[in-house]
Amino acid sequence: MKRKGIIITMVICCAILLSATIFSIIKFRVWNPFSSCFGMLEILFTNKEYTIVQNIPKKVAFSKTADTSNKSGGQYLDEYMESRGFHSVPEEQMGAMLVYSNGNEKESVVFSTNKYYSKWEWQ
């Protein structure tokens, strides 16, 4: 009877982990459900302005939509890219796909936002 309880518990844990992974891939395009979960919690419940949750194969980041300084998620993205030496190229923007350049290379970032967080996804 004890063995059956352990097997049922392990099956439930595996089902929860699999569901969390599928949700993370579909919703955020992040393969590691722990990374996306902790990144989201970090943005929602700490004073951190943004966090990188996946670097490979695509860089994905979450930022606050607004805080006490009334900055938007787009302003956080602009600040992050400026800290890396990139500047915005508004002539090449296509809808939610923002383009940044440092003179040598260009990076395209798809920017989306909702009530709780903003998501940046490099293309």
PDB file of N, CA and C in Angstrom:
ATOM      1  N   MET A   1       0.817  -1.192   0.000  1.00  0.00           N
ATOM      2  CA  MET A   1       0.000   0.000   0.000  1.00  0.00           C
ATOM      3  C   MET A   1       0.861   1.256   0.000  1.00  0.00           C
ATOM      4  N   LYS A   2       1.968   1.217   0.756  1.00  0.00           N
ATOM      5  CA  LYS A   2       2.858   2.362   0.835  1.00  0.00           C
ATOM      6  C   LYS A   2       3.532   2.607  -0.513  1.00  0.00           C
ATOM      7  N   ARG A   3       3.892   1.537  -1.191  1.00  0.00           N
ATOM      8  CA  ARG A   3       4.543   1.633  -2.500  1.00  0.00           C
ATOM      9  C   ARG A   3       3.587   2.259  -3.525  1.00  0.00           C
ATOM     10  N   LYS A   4       2.320   1.899  -3.457  1.00  0.00           N
ATOM     11  CA  LYS A   4       1.320   2.433  -4.377  1.00  0.00           C
ATOM     12  C   LYS A   4       1.162   3.945  -4.174  1.00  0.00           C
ATOM     13  N   GLY A   5       1.202   4.398  -2.923  1.00  0.00           N
ATOM     14  CA  GLY A   5       1.112   5.821  -2.603  1.00  0.00           C
ATOM     15  C   GLY A   5       2.301   6.599  -3.161  1.00  0.00           C
ATOM     16  N   ILE A   6       3.481   6.012  -3.080  1.00  0.00           N
ATOM     17  CA  ILE A   6       4.692   6.659  -3.608  1.00  0.00           C
ATOM     18  C   ILE A   6       4.600   6.769  -5.125  1.00  0.00           C
ATOM     19  N   ILE A   7       4.150   5.715  -5.773  1.00  0.00           N
ATOM     20  CA  ILE A   7       4.023   5.727  -7.238  1.00  0.00           C
ATOM     21  C   ILE A   7       2.999   6.774  -7.678  1.00  0.00           C
ATOM     22  N   ILE A   8       1.875   6.859  -6.996  1.00  0.00           N
ATOM     23  CA  ILE A   8       0.852   7.852  -7.336  1.00  0.00           C
ATOM     24  C   ILE A   8       1.396   9.266  -7.141  1.00  0.00           C
ATOM     25  N   THR A   9       2.123   9.491  -6.058  1.00  0.00           N
ATOM     26  CA  THR A   9       2.723  10.801  -5.795  1.00  0.00           C
ATOM     27  C   THR A   9       3.721  11.170  -6.886  1.00  0.00           C
ATOM     28  N   MET A  10       4.542  10.223  -7.306  1.00  0.00           N
ATOM     29  CA  MET A  10       5.529  10.492  -8.359  1.00  0.00           C
ATOM     30  C   MET A  10       4.851  10.775  -9.697  1.00  0.00           C
ATOM     31  N   VAL A  11       3.794  10.064 -10.013  1.00  0.00           N
ATOM     32  CA  VAL A  11       3.058  10.302 -11.255  1.00  0.00           C
ATOM     33  C   VAL A  11       2.437  11.696 -11.239  1.00  0.00           C
ATOM     34  N   ILE A  12       1.881  12.090 -10.123  1.00  0.00           N
ATOM     35  CA  ILE A  12       1.282  13.427 -10.004  1.00  0.00           C
ATOM     36  C   ILE A  12       2.349  14.509 -10.158  1.00  0.00           C
ATOM     37  N   CYS A  13       3.497  14.323  -9.504  1.00  0.00           N
ATOM     38  CA  CYS A  13       4.594  15.297  -9.617  1.00  0.00           C
ATOM     39  C   CYS A  13       5.089  15.408 -11.059  1.00  0.00           C
ATOM     40  N   CYS A  14       5.236  14.274 -11.723  1.00  0.00           N
ATOM     41  CA  CYS A  14       5.680  14.287 -13.127  1.00  0.00           C
ATOM     42  C   CYS A  14       4.647  14.968 -14.020  1.00  0.00           C
ATOM     43  N   ALA A  15       3.373  14.726 -13.765  1.00  0.00           N
ATOM     44  CA  ALA A  15       2.311  15.365 -14.551  1.00  0.00           C
ATOM     45  C   ALA A  15       2.314  16.879 -14.343  1.00  0.00           C
ATOM     46  N   ILE A  16       2.532  17.334 -13.121  1.00  0.00           N
ATOM     47  CA  ILE A  16       2.593  18.770 -12.836  1.00  0.00           C
ATOM     48  C   ILE A  16       3.798  19.397 -13.524  1.00  0.00           C
ATOM     49  N   LEU A  17       4.956  18.742 -13.447  1.00  0.00           N
ATOM     50  CA  LEU A  17       6.159  19.261 -14.099  1.00  0.00           C
ATOM     51  C   LEU A  17       5.990  19.305 -15.611  1.00  0.00           C
ATOM     52  N   LEU A  18       5.417  18.283 -16.190  1.00  0.00           N
ATOM     53  CA  LEU A  18       5.179  18.259 -17.627  1.00  0.00           C
ATOM     54  C   LEU A  18       4.198  19.360 -18.032  1.00  0.00           C
ATOM     55  N   SER A  19       3.143  19.539 -17.261  1.00  0.00           N
ATOM     56  CA  SER A  19       2.170  20.596 -17.552  1.00  0.00           C
ATOM     57  C   SER A  19       2.816  21.977 -17.449  1.00  0.00           C
ATOM     58  N   ALA A  20       3.638  22.190 -16.425  1.00  0.00           N
ATOM     59  CA  ALA A  20       4.319  23.474 -16.258  1.00  0.00           C
ATOM     60  C   ALA A  20       5.279  23.739 -17.409  1.00  0.00           C
ATOM     61  N   THR A  21       5.972  22.709 -17.880  1.00  0.00           N
ATOM     62  CA  THR A  21       6.889  22.862 -19.001  1.00  0.00           C
ATOM     63  C   THR A  21       6.128  23.209 -20.277  1.00  0.00           C
ATOM     64  N   ILE A  22       5.053  22.521 -20.542  1.00  0.00           N
ATOM     65  CA  ILE A  22       4.247  22.800 -21.738  1.00  0.00           C
ATOM     66  C   ILE A  22       3.679  24.217 -21.670  1.00  0.00           C
ATOM     67  N   PHE A  23       3.175  24.634 -20.509  1.00  0.00           N
ATOM     68  CA  PHE A  23       2.651  25.986 -20.342  1.00  0.00           C
ATOM     69  C   PHE A  23       3.747  27.017 -20.579  1.00  0.00           C
ATOM     70  N   SER A  24       4.931  26.783 -20.030  1.00  0.00           N
ATOM     71  CA  SER A  24       6.046  27.713 -20.190  1.00  0.00           C
ATOM     72  C   SER A  24       6.473  27.833 -21.653  1.00  0.00           C
ATOM     73  N   ILE A  25       6.487  26.723 -22.364  1.00  0.00           N
ATOM     74  CA  ILE A  25       6.870  26.743 -23.780  1.00  0.00           C
ATOM     75  C   ILE A  25       5.811  27.475 -24.608  1.00  0.00           C
ATOM     76  N   ILE A  26       4.550  27.170 -24.376  1.00  0.00           N
ATOM     77  CA  ILE A  26       3.478  27.779 -25.172  1.00  0.00           C
ATOM     78  C   ILE A  26       3.320  29.265 -24.851  1.00  0.00           C
ATOM     79  N   LYS A  27       3.300  29.610 -23.584  1.00  0.00           N
ATOM     80  CA  LYS A  27       3.018  30.987 -23.177  1.00  0.00           C
ATOM     81  C   LYS A  27       4.229  31.914 -23.334  1.00  0.00           C
ATOM     82  N   PHE A  28       5.420  31.446 -22.942  1.00  0.00           N
ATOM     83  CA  PHE A  28       6.587  32.317 -22.897  1.00  0.00           C
ATOM     84  C   PHE A  28       7.706  31.928 -23.860  1.00  0.00           C
ATOM     85  N   ARG A  29       7.588  30.759 -24.493  1.00  0.00           N
ATOM     86  CA  ARG A  29       8.648  30.214 -25.343  1.00  0.00           C
ATOM     87  C   ARG A  29       9.951  30.020 -24.572  1.00  0.00           C
ATOM     88  N   VAL A  30       9.811  29.586 -23.333  1.00  0.00           N
ATOM     89  CA  VAL A  30      10.940  29.297 -22.453  1.00  0.00           C
ATOM     90  C   VAL A  30      10.860  27.820 -22.100  1.00  0.00           C
ATOM     91  N   TRP A  31      11.946  27.103 -22.341  1.00  0.00           N
ATOM     92  CA  TRP A  31      11.943  25.655 -22.132  1.00  0.00           C
ATOM     93  C   TRP A  31      12.039  25.257 -20.664  1.00  0.00           C
ATOM     94  N   ASN A  32      12.584  26.110 -19.839  1.00  0.00           N
ATOM     95  CA  ASN A  32      12.772  25.791 -18.428  1.00  0.00           C
ATOM     96  C   ASN A  32      11.632  26.408 -17.614  1.00  0.00           C
ATOM     97  N   PRO A  33      10.713  25.589 -17.109  1.00  0.00           N
ATOM     98  CA  PRO A  33       9.574  26.155 -16.377  1.00  0.00           C
ATOM     99  C   PRO A  33       9.990  26.832 -15.073  1.00  0.00           C
ATOM    100  N   PHE A  34      11.077  26.386 -14.457  1.00  0.00           N
ATOM    101  CA  PHE A  34      11.539  27.001 -13.215  1.00  0.00           C
ATOM    102  C   PHE A  34      12.061  28.404 -13.487  1.00  0.00           C
ATOM    103  N   SER A  35      12.781  28.573 -14.594  1.00  0.00           N
ATOM    104  CA  SER A  35      13.306  29.879 -14.964  1.00  0.00           C
ATOM    105  C   SER A  35      12.190  30.881 -15.210  1.00  0.00           C
ATOM    106  N   SER A  36      11.183  30.477 -15.974  1.00  0.00           N
ATOM    107  CA  SER A  36      10.084  31.399 -16.254  1.00  0.00           C
ATOM    108  C   SER A  36       9.273  31.686 -14.990  1.00  0.00           C
ATOM    109  N   CYS A  37       9.062  30.694 -14.161  1.00  0.00           N
ATOM    110  CA  CYS A  37       8.303  30.884 -12.922  1.00  0.00           C
ATOM    111  C   CYS A  37       9.047  31.832 -11.974  1.00  0.00           C
ATOM    112  N   PHE A  38      10.332  31.565 -11.725  1.00  0.00           N
ATOM    113  CA  PHE A  38      11.089  32.417 -10.815  1.00  0.00           C
ATOM    114  C   PHE A  38      11.304  33.812 -11.392  1.00  0.00           C
ATOM    115  N   GLY A  39      11.456  33.911 -12.722  1.00  0.00           N
ATOM    116  CA  GLY A  39      11.572  35.221 -13.359  1.00  0.00           C
ATOM    117  C   GLY A  39      10.309  36.042 -13.171  1.00  0.00           C
ATOM    118  N   MET A  40       9.164  35.402 -13.351  1.00  0.00           N
ATOM    119  CA  MET A  40       7.893  36.085 -13.170  1.00  0.00           C
ATOM    120  C   MET A  40       7.714  36.528 -11.716  1.00  0.00           C
ATOM    121  N   LEU A  41       8.020  35.638 -10.779  1.00  0.00           N
ATOM    122  CA  LEU A  41       7.895  35.989  -9.364  1.00  0.00           C
ATOM    123  C   LEU A  41       8.837  37.123  -8.997  1.00  0.00           C
ATOM    124  N   GLU A  42      10.039  37.103  -9.565  1.00  0.00           N
ATOM    125  CA  GLU A  42      11.019  38.148  -9.298  1.00  0.00           C
ATOM    126  C   GLU A  42      10.511  39.513  -9.762  1.00  0.00           C
ATOM    127  N   ILE A  43       9.871  39.554 -10.916  1.00  0.00           N
ATOM    128  CA  ILE A  43       9.346  40.811 -11.440  1.00  0.00           C
ATOM    129  C   ILE A  43       8.141  41.286 -10.630  1.00  0.00           C
ATOM    130  N   LEU A  44       7.259  40.372 -10.290  1.00  0.00           N
ATOM    131  CA  LEU A  44       6.019  40.763  -9.626  1.00  0.00           C
ATOM    132  C   LEU A  44       6.194  41.127  -8.156  1.00  0.00           C
ATOM    133  N   PHE A  45       7.147  40.472  -7.451  1.00  0.00           N
ATOM    134  CA  PHE A  45       7.213  40.634  -6.003  1.00  0.00           C
ATOM    135  C   PHE A  45       8.503  41.226  -5.464  1.00  0.00           C
ATOM    136  N   THR A  46       9.415  41.679  -6.319  1.00  0.00           N
ATOM    137  CA  THR A  46      10.635  42.332  -5.845  1.00  0.00           C
ATOM    138  C   THR A  46      10.752  43.695  -6.515  1.00  0.00           C
ATOM    139  N   ASN A  47      11.792  44.409  -6.185  1.00  0.00           N
ATOM    140  CA  ASN A  47      12.021  45.730  -6.764  1.00  0.00           C
ATOM    141  C   ASN A  47      12.845  45.666  -8.042  1.00  0.00           C
ATOM    142  N   LYS A  48      13.155  44.492  -8.513  1.00  0.00           N
ATOM    143  CA  LYS A  48      13.951  44.346  -9.732  1.00  0.00           C
ATOM    144  C   LYS A  48      13.135  44.822 -10.933  1.00  0.00           C
ATOM    145  N   GLU A  49      13.763  45.605 -11.806  1.00  0.00           N
ATOM    146  CA  GLU A  49      13.057  46.200 -12.942  1.00  0.00           C
ATOM    147  C   GLU A  49      12.853  45.207 -14.077  1.00  0.00           C
ATOM    148  N   TYR A  50      13.844  44.343 -14.321  1.00  0.00           N
ATOM    149  CA  TYR A  50      13.724  43.339 -15.377  1.00  0.00           C
ATOM    150  C   TYR A  50      14.619  42.161 -15.049  1.00  0.00           C
ATOM    151  N   THR A  51      14.368  41.043 -15.688  1.00  0.00           N
ATOM    152  CA  THR A  51      15.181  39.852 -15.488  1.00  0.00           C
ATOM    153  C   THR A  51      15.256  39.069 -16.797  1.00  0.00           C
ATOM    154  N   ILE A  52      16.410  38.477 -17.055  1.00  0.00           N
ATOM    155  CA  ILE A  52      16.614  37.631 -18.226  1.00  0.00           C
ATOM    156  C   ILE A  52      16.298  36.203 -17.794  1.00  0.00           C
ATOM    157  N   VAL A  53      15.361  35.547 -18.492  1.00  0.00           N
ATOM    158  CA  VAL A  53      14.967  34.203 -18.086  1.00  0.00           C
ATOM    159  C   VAL A  53      15.473  33.122 -19.036  1.00  0.00           C
ATOM    160  N   GLN A  54      15.922  33.497 -20.223  1.00  0.00           N
ATOM    161  CA  GLN A  54      16.485  32.500 -21.134  1.00  0.00           C
ATOM    162  C   GLN A  54      17.414  33.194 -22.116  1.00  0.00           C
ATOM    163  N   ASN A  55      18.604  32.663 -22.264  1.00  0.00           N
ATOM    164  CA  ASN A  55      19.573  33.214 -23.215  1.00  0.00           C
ATOM    165  C   ASN A  55      19.670  32.411 -24.495  1.00  0.00           C
ATOM    166  N   ILE A  56      19.482  31.102 -24.387  1.00  0.00           N
ATOM    167  CA  ILE A  56      19.657  30.235 -25.548  1.00  0.00           C
ATOM    168  C   ILE A  56      18.433  29.355 -25.665  1.00  0.00           C
ATOM    169  N   PRO A  57      17.803  29.179 -26.785  1.00  0.00           N
ATOM    170  CA  PRO A  57      18.149  29.637 -28.123  1.00  0.00           C
ATOM    171  C   PRO A  57      17.747  31.076 -28.384  1.00  0.00           C
ATOM    172  N   LYS A  58      16.780  31.620 -27.665  1.00  0.00           N
ATOM    173  CA  LYS A  58      16.389  33.010 -27.828  1.00  0.00           C
ATOM    174  C   LYS A  58      16.475  33.677 -26.472  1.00  0.00           C
ATOM    175  N   LYS A  59      16.794  34.951 -26.479  1.00  0.00           N
ATOM    176  CA  LYS A  59      16.817  35.670 -25.219  1.00  0.00           C
ATOM    177  C   LYS A  59      15.404  36.138 -24.908  1.00  0.00           C
ATOM    178  N   VAL A  60      14.934  35.828 -23.716  1.00  0.00           N
ATOM    179  CA  VAL A  60      13.609  36.236 -23.279  1.00  0.00           C
ATOM    180  C   VAL A  60      13.773  36.927 -21.934  1.00  0.00           C
ATOM    181  N   ALA A  61      13.110  38.069 -21.785  1.00  0.00           N
ATOM    182  CA  ALA A  61      13.187  38.816 -20.540  1.00  0.00           C
ATOM    183  C   ALA A  61      11.800  39.281 -20.142  1.00  0.00           C
ATOM    184  N   PHE A  62      11.624  39.479 -18.856  1.00  0.00           N
ATOM    185  CA  PHE A  62      10.394  40.051 -18.332  1.00  0.00           C
ATOM    186  C   PHE A  62      10.753  41.361 -17.647  1.00  0.00           C
ATOM    187  N   SER A  63       9.871  42.336 -17.739  1.00  0.00           N
ATOM    188  CA  SER A  63      10.059  43.586 -17.009  1.00  0.00           C
ATOM    189  C   SER A  63       8.737  44.008 -16.401  1.00  0.00           C
ATOM    190  N   LYS A  64       8.829  44.910 -15.464  1.00  0.00           N
ATOM    191  CA  LYS A  64       7.622  45.469 -14.871  1.00  0.00           C
ATOM    192  C   LYS A  64       6.922  46.320 -15.925  1.00  0.00           C
ATOM    193  N   THR A  65       5.605  46.402 -15.853  1.00  0.00           N
ATOM    194  CA  THR A  65       4.893  47.279 -16.781  1.00  0.00           C
ATOM    195  C   THR A  65       4.930  48.717 -16.290  1.00  0.00           C
ATOM    196  N   ALA A  66       4.892  48.927 -15.006  1.00  0.00           N
ATOM    197  CA  ALA A  66       5.019  50.262 -14.424  1.00  0.00           C
ATOM    198  C   ALA A  66       5.338  50.088 -12.945  1.00  0.00           C
ATOM    199  N   ASP A  67       6.076  51.015 -12.407  1.00  0.00           N
ATOM    200  CA  ASP A  67       6.377  50.962 -10.985  1.00  0.00           C
ATOM    201  C   ASP A  67       6.197  52.354 -10.391  1.00  0.00           C
ATOM    202  N   THR A  68       6.795  52.572  -9.235  1.00  0.00           N
ATOM    203  CA  THR A  68       6.600  53.854  -8.555  1.00  0.00           C
ATOM    204  C   THR A  68       7.205  55.019  -9.336  1.00  0.00           C
ATOM    205  N   SER A  69       8.195  54.778 -10.196  1.00  0.00           N
ATOM    206  CA  SER A  69       8.777  55.861 -11.000  1.00  0.00           C
ATOM    207  C   SER A  69       8.001  56.057 -12.303  1.00  0.00           C
ATOM    208  N   ASN A  70       6.922  55.295 -12.476  1.00  0.00           N
ATOM    209  CA  ASN A  70       6.042  55.404 -13.650  1.00  0.00           C
ATOM    210  C   ASN A  70       6.756  55.148 -14.970  1.00  0.00           C
ATOM    211  N   LYS A  71       7.746  54.270 -14.965  1.00  0.00           N
ATOM    212  CA  LYS A  71       8.396  53.861 -16.207  1.00  0.00           C
ATOM    213  C   LYS A  71       7.587  52.738 -16.825  1.00  0.00           C
ATOM    214  N   SER A  72       7.530  52.728 -18.140  1.00  0.00           N
ATOM    215  CA  SER A  72       6.832  51.646 -18.833  1.00  0.00           C
ATOM    216  C   SER A  72       7.821  50.532 -19.154  1.00  0.00           C
ATOM    217  N   GLY A  73       7.285  49.384 -19.566  1.00  0.00           N
ATOM    218  CA  GLY A  73       8.137  48.271 -19.968  1.00  0.00           C
ATOM    219  C   GLY A  73       9.013  48.634 -21.146  1.00  0.00           C
ATOM    220  N   GLY A  74       8.509  49.472 -22.049  1.00  0.00           N
ATOM    221  CA  GLY A  74       9.293  49.923 -23.193  1.00  0.00           C
ATOM    222  C   GLY A  74      10.471  50.777 -22.779  1.00  0.00           C
ATOM    223  N   GLN A  75      10.302  51.598 -21.752  1.00  0.00           N
ATOM    224  CA  GLN A  75      11.404  52.413 -21.259  1.00  0.00           C
ATOM    225  C   GLN A  75      12.478  51.540 -20.614  1.00  0.00           C
ATOM    226  N   TYR A  76      12.058  50.487 -19.900  1.00  0.00           N
ATOM    227  CA  TYR A  76      13.032  49.549 -19.338  1.00  0.00           C
ATOM    228  C   TYR A  76      13.821  48.869 -20.449  1.00  0.00           C
ATOM    229  N   LEU A  77      13.138  48.494 -21.539  1.00  0.00           N
ATOM    230  CA  LEU A  77      13.811  47.861 -22.668  1.00  0.00           C
ATOM    231  C   LEU A  77      14.806  48.826 -23.296  1.00  0.00           C
ATOM    232  N   ASP A  78      14.409  50.071 -23.502  1.00  0.00           N
ATOM    233  CA  ASP A  78      15.323  51.072 -24.065  1.00  0.00           C
ATOM    234  C   ASP A  78      16.548  51.257 -23.185  1.00  0.00           C
ATOM    235  N   GLU A  79      16.358  51.327 -21.859  1.00  0.00           N
ATOM    236  CA  GLU A  79      17.481  51.471 -20.931  1.00  0.00           C
ATOM    237  C   GLU A  79      18.403  50.253 -20.988  1.00  0.00           C
ATOM    238  N   TYR A  80      17.812  49.058 -21.038  1.00  0.00           N
ATOM    239  CA  TYR A  80      18.612  47.834 -21.106  1.00  0.00           C
ATOM    240  C   TYR A  80      19.455  47.814 -22.377  1.00  0.00           C
ATOM    241  N   MET A  81      18.829  48.143 -23.506  1.00  0.00           N
ATOM    242  CA  MET A  81      19.568  48.135 -24.775  1.00  0.00           C
ATOM    243  C   MET A  81      20.637  49.231 -24.802  1.00  0.00           C
ATOM    244  N   GLU A  82      20.361  50.406 -24.234  1.00  0.00           N
ATOM    245  CA  GLU A  82      21.364  51.464 -24.164  1.00  0.00           C
ATOM    246  C   GLU A  82      22.552  51.036 -23.316  1.00  0.00           C
ATOM    247  N   SER A  83      22.297  50.283 -22.245  1.00  0.00           N
ATOM    248  CA  SER A  83      23.398  49.799 -21.402  1.00  0.00           C
ATOM    249  C   SER A  83      24.282  48.812 -22.154  1.00  0.00           C
ATOM    250  N   ARG A  84      23.734  48.172 -23.198  1.00  0.00           N
ATOM    251  CA  ARG A  84      24.500  47.245 -24.031  1.00  0.00           C
ATOM    252  C   ARG A  84      25.110  47.949 -25.241  1.00  0.00           C
ATOM    253  N   GLY A  85      24.863  49.258 -25.386  1.00  0.00           N
ATOM    254  CA  GLY A  85      25.439  50.014 -26.484  1.00  0.00           C
ATOM    255  C   GLY A  85      24.571  50.077 -27.733  1.00  0.00           C
ATOM    256  N   PHE A  86      23.311  49.724 -27.637  1.00  0.00           N
ATOM    257  CA  PHE A  86      22.388  49.741 -28.774  1.00  0.00           C
ATOM    258  C   PHE A  86      21.467  50.942 -28.661  1.00  0.00           C
ATOM    259  N   HIS A  87      21.051  51.461 -29.790  1.00  0.00           N
ATOM    260  CA  HIS A  87      20.076  52.544 -29.817  1.00  0.00           C
ATOM    261  C   HIS A  87      18.905  52.140 -30.720  1.00  0.00           C
ATOM    262  N   SER A  88      17.775  52.724 -30.466  1.00  0.00           N
ATOM    263  CA  SER A  88      16.561  52.395 -31.204  1.00  0.00           C
ATOM    264  C   SER A  88      16.637  52.905 -32.641  1.00  0.00           C
ATOM    265  N   VAL A  89      16.096  52.111 -33.574  1.00  0.00           N
ATOM    266  CA  VAL A  89      15.990  52.494 -34.984  1.00  0.00           C
ATOM    267  C   VAL A  89      14.498  52.508 -35.329  1.00  0.00           C
ATOM    268  N   PRO A  90      13.805  53.619 -35.046  1.00  0.00           N
ATOM    269  CA  PRO A  90      12.353  53.644 -35.229  1.00  0.00           C
ATOM    270  C   PRO A  90      11.905  53.486 -36.680  1.00  0.00           C
ATOM    271  N   GLU A  91      12.772  53.805 -37.651  1.00  0.00           N
ATOM    272  CA  GLU A  91      12.402  53.671 -39.061  1.00  0.00           C
ATOM    273  C   GLU A  91      12.174  52.217 -39.460  1.00  0.00           C
ATOM    274  N   GLU A  92      12.808  51.288 -38.755  1.00  0.00           N
ATOM    275  CA  GLU A  92      12.702  49.869 -39.094  1.00  0.00           C
ATOM    276  C   GLU A  92      11.709  49.119 -38.209  1.00  0.00           C
ATOM    277  N   GLN A  93      11.058  49.816 -37.289  1.00  0.00           N
ATOM    278  CA  GLN A  93      10.080  49.178 -36.398  1.00  0.00           C
ATOM    279  C   GLN A  93       8.891  48.686 -37.212  1.00  0.00           C
ATOM    280  N   MET A  94       8.459  47.470 -36.901  1.00  0.00           N
ATOM    281  CA  MET A  94       7.288  46.886 -37.558  1.00  0.00           C
ATOM    282  C   MET A  94       6.347  46.379 -36.478  1.00  0.00           C
ATOM    283  N   GLY A  95       5.358  47.190 -36.133  1.00  0.00           N
ATOM    284  CA  GLY A  95       4.405  46.810 -35.097  1.00  0.00           C
ATOM    285  C   GLY A  95       5.093  46.646 -33.758  1.00  0.00           C
ATOM    286  N   ALA A  96       4.987  45.460 -33.175  1.00  0.00           N
ATOM    287  CA  ALA A  96       5.581  45.187 -31.870  1.00  0.00           C
ATOM    288  C   ALA A  96       7.035  44.753 -31.971  1.00  0.00           C
ATOM    289  N   MET A  97       7.583  44.669 -33.200  1.00  0.00           N
ATOM    290  CA  MET A  97       8.983  44.290 -33.361  1.00  0.00           C
ATOM    291  C   MET A  97       9.832  45.557 -33.418  1.00  0.00           C
ATOM    292  N   LEU A  98      10.588  45.780 -32.347  1.00  0.00           N
ATOM    293  CA  LEU A  98      11.462  46.939 -32.246  1.00  0.00           C
ATOM    294  C   LEU A  98      12.844  46.558 -32.750  1.00  0.00           C
ATOM    295  N   VAL A  99      13.531  47.478 -33.396  1.00  0.00           N
ATOM    296  CA  VAL A  99      14.862  47.218 -33.940  1.00  0.00           C
ATOM    297  C   VAL A  99      15.853  48.137 -33.242  1.00  0.00           C
ATOM    298  N   TYR A 100      16.972  47.560 -32.809  1.00  0.00           N
ATOM    299  CA  TYR A 100      18.054  48.293 -32.155  1.00  0.00           C
ATOM    300  C   TYR A 100      19.349  48.022 -32.902  1.00  0.00           C
ATOM    301  N   SER A 101      20.229  49.014 -32.929  1.00  0.00           N
ATOM    302  CA  SER A 101      21.497  48.871 -33.634  1.00  0.00           C
ATOM    303  C   SER A 101      22.614  49.487 -32.799  1.00  0.00           C
ATOM    304  N   ASN A 102      23.809  48.904 -32.920  1.00  0.00           N
ATOM    305  CA  ASN A 102      24.984  49.499 -32.291  1.00  0.00           C
ATOM    306  C   ASN A 102      25.977  49.978 -33.347  1.00  0.00           C
ATOM    307  N   GLY A 103      25.544  50.060 -34.591  1.00  0.00           N
ATOM    308  CA  GLY A 103      26.401  50.482 -35.689  1.00  0.00           C
ATOM    309  C   GLY A 103      26.898  49.308 -36.502  1.00  0.00           C
ATOM    310  N   ASN A 104      27.227  48.199 -35.848  1.00  0.00           N
ATOM    311  CA  ASN A 104      27.732  47.010 -36.534  1.00  0.00           C
ATOM    312  C   ASN A 104      26.668  45.943 -36.741  1.00  0.00           C
ATOM    313  N   GLU A 105      25.819  45.791 -35.762  1.00  0.00           N
ATOM    314  CA  GLU A 105      24.808  44.742 -35.848  1.00  0.00           C
ATOM    315  C   GLU A 105      23.454  45.280 -35.410  1.00  0.00           C
ATOM    316  N   LYS A 106      22.414  44.578 -35.819  1.00  0.00           N
ATOM    317  CA  LYS A 106      21.052  44.938 -35.450  1.00  0.00           C
ATOM    318  C   LYS A 106      20.420  43.788 -34.684  1.00  0.00           C
ATOM    319  N   GLU A 107      19.587  44.141 -33.735  1.00  0.00           N
ATOM    320  CA  GLU A 107      18.826  43.155 -32.980  1.00  0.00           C
ATOM    321  C   GLU A 107      17.353  43.523 -33.046  1.00  0.00           C
ATOM    322  N   SER A 108      16.517  42.538 -33.317  1.00  0.00           N
ATOM    323  CA  SER A 108      15.071  42.737 -33.354  1.00  0.00           C
ATOM    324  C   SER A 108      14.471  42.132 -32.094  1.00  0.00           C
ATOM    325  N   VAL A 109      13.643  42.909 -31.439  1.00  0.00           N
ATOM    326  CA  VAL A 109      13.028  42.481 -30.186  1.00  0.00           C
ATOM    327  C   VAL A 109      11.515  42.620 -30.313  1.00  0.00           C
ATOM    328  N   VAL A 110      10.815  41.515 -30.091  1.00  0.00           N
ATOM    329  CA  VAL A 110       9.353  41.559 -30.065  1.00  0.00           C
ATOM    330  C   VAL A 110       8.948  41.922 -28.645  1.00  0.00           C
ATOM    331  N   PHE A 111       8.167  42.981 -28.537  1.00  0.00           N
ATOM    332  CA  PHE A 111       7.774  43.523 -27.245  1.00  0.00           C
ATOM    333  C   PHE A 111       6.278  43.321 -27.056  1.00  0.00           C
ATOM    334  N   SER A 112       5.893  42.680 -25.964  1.00  0.00           N
ATOM    335  CA  SER A 112       4.474  42.541 -25.643  1.00  0.00           C
ATOM    336  C   SER A 112       4.283  42.850 -24.163  1.00  0.00           C
ATOM    337  N   THR A 113       3.087  43.272 -23.831  1.00  0.00           N
ATOM    338  CA  THR A 113       2.827  43.651 -22.447  1.00  0.00           C
ATOM    339  C   THR A 113       1.399  43.301 -22.059  1.00  0.00           C
ATOM    340  N   ASN A 114       1.200  43.123 -20.774  1.00  0.00           N
ATOM    341  CA  ASN A 114      -0.148  42.958 -20.231  1.00  0.00           C
ATOM    342  C   ASN A 114      -0.212  43.720 -18.915  1.00  0.00           C
ATOM    343  N   LYS A 115      -1.193  43.462 -18.116  1.00  0.00           N
ATOM    344  CA  LYS A 115      -1.390  44.217 -16.879  1.00  0.00           C
ATOM    345  C   LYS A 115      -0.252  44.006 -15.871  1.00  0.00           C
ATOM    346  N   TYR A 116       0.399  42.847 -15.905  1.00  0.00           N
ATOM    347  CA  TYR A 116       1.344  42.480 -14.860  1.00  0.00           C
ATOM    348  C   TYR A 116       2.811  42.574 -15.265  1.00  0.00           C
ATOM    349  N   TYR A 117       3.141  42.303 -16.507  1.00  0.00           N
ATOM    350  CA  TYR A 117       4.534  42.259 -16.923  1.00  0.00           C
ATOM    351  C   TYR A 117       4.641  42.561 -18.413  1.00  0.00           C
ATOM    352  N   SER A 118       5.855  42.869 -18.836  1.00  0.00           N
ATOM    353  CA  SER A 118       6.174  43.003 -20.245  1.00  0.00           C
ATOM    354  C   SER A 118       7.118  41.863 -20.612  1.00  0.00           C
ATOM    355  N   LYS A 119       7.023  41.398 -21.846  1.00  0.00           N
ATOM    356  CA  LYS A 119       7.901  40.304 -22.290  1.00  0.00           C
ATOM    357  C   LYS A 119       8.701  40.808 -23.487  1.00  0.00           C
ATOM    358  N   TRP A 120      10.013  40.574 -23.443  1.00  0.00           N
ATOM    359  CA  TRP A 120      10.893  40.928 -24.552  1.00  0.00           C
ATOM    360  C   TRP A 120      11.423  39.623 -25.136  1.00  0.00           C
ATOM    361  N   GLU A 121      11.311  39.454 -26.425  1.00  0.00           N
ATOM    362  CA  GLU A 121      11.805  38.229 -27.058  1.00  0.00           C
ATOM    363  C   GLU A 121      12.623  38.595 -28.291  1.00  0.00           C
ATOM    364  N   TRP A 122      13.897  38.218 -28.250  1.00  0.00           N
ATOM    365  CA  TRP A 122      14.790  38.501 -29.365  1.00  0.00           C
ATOM    366  C   TRP A 122      14.509  37.548 -30.516  1.00  0.00           C
ATOM    367  N   GLN A 123      14.538  38.064 -31.725  1.00  0.00           N
ATOM    368  CA  GLN A 123      14.301  37.255 -32.921  1.00  0.00           C
ATOM    369  C   GLN A 123      15.610  36.940 -33.601  1.00  0.00           C
TER     370      GLN A 123
END
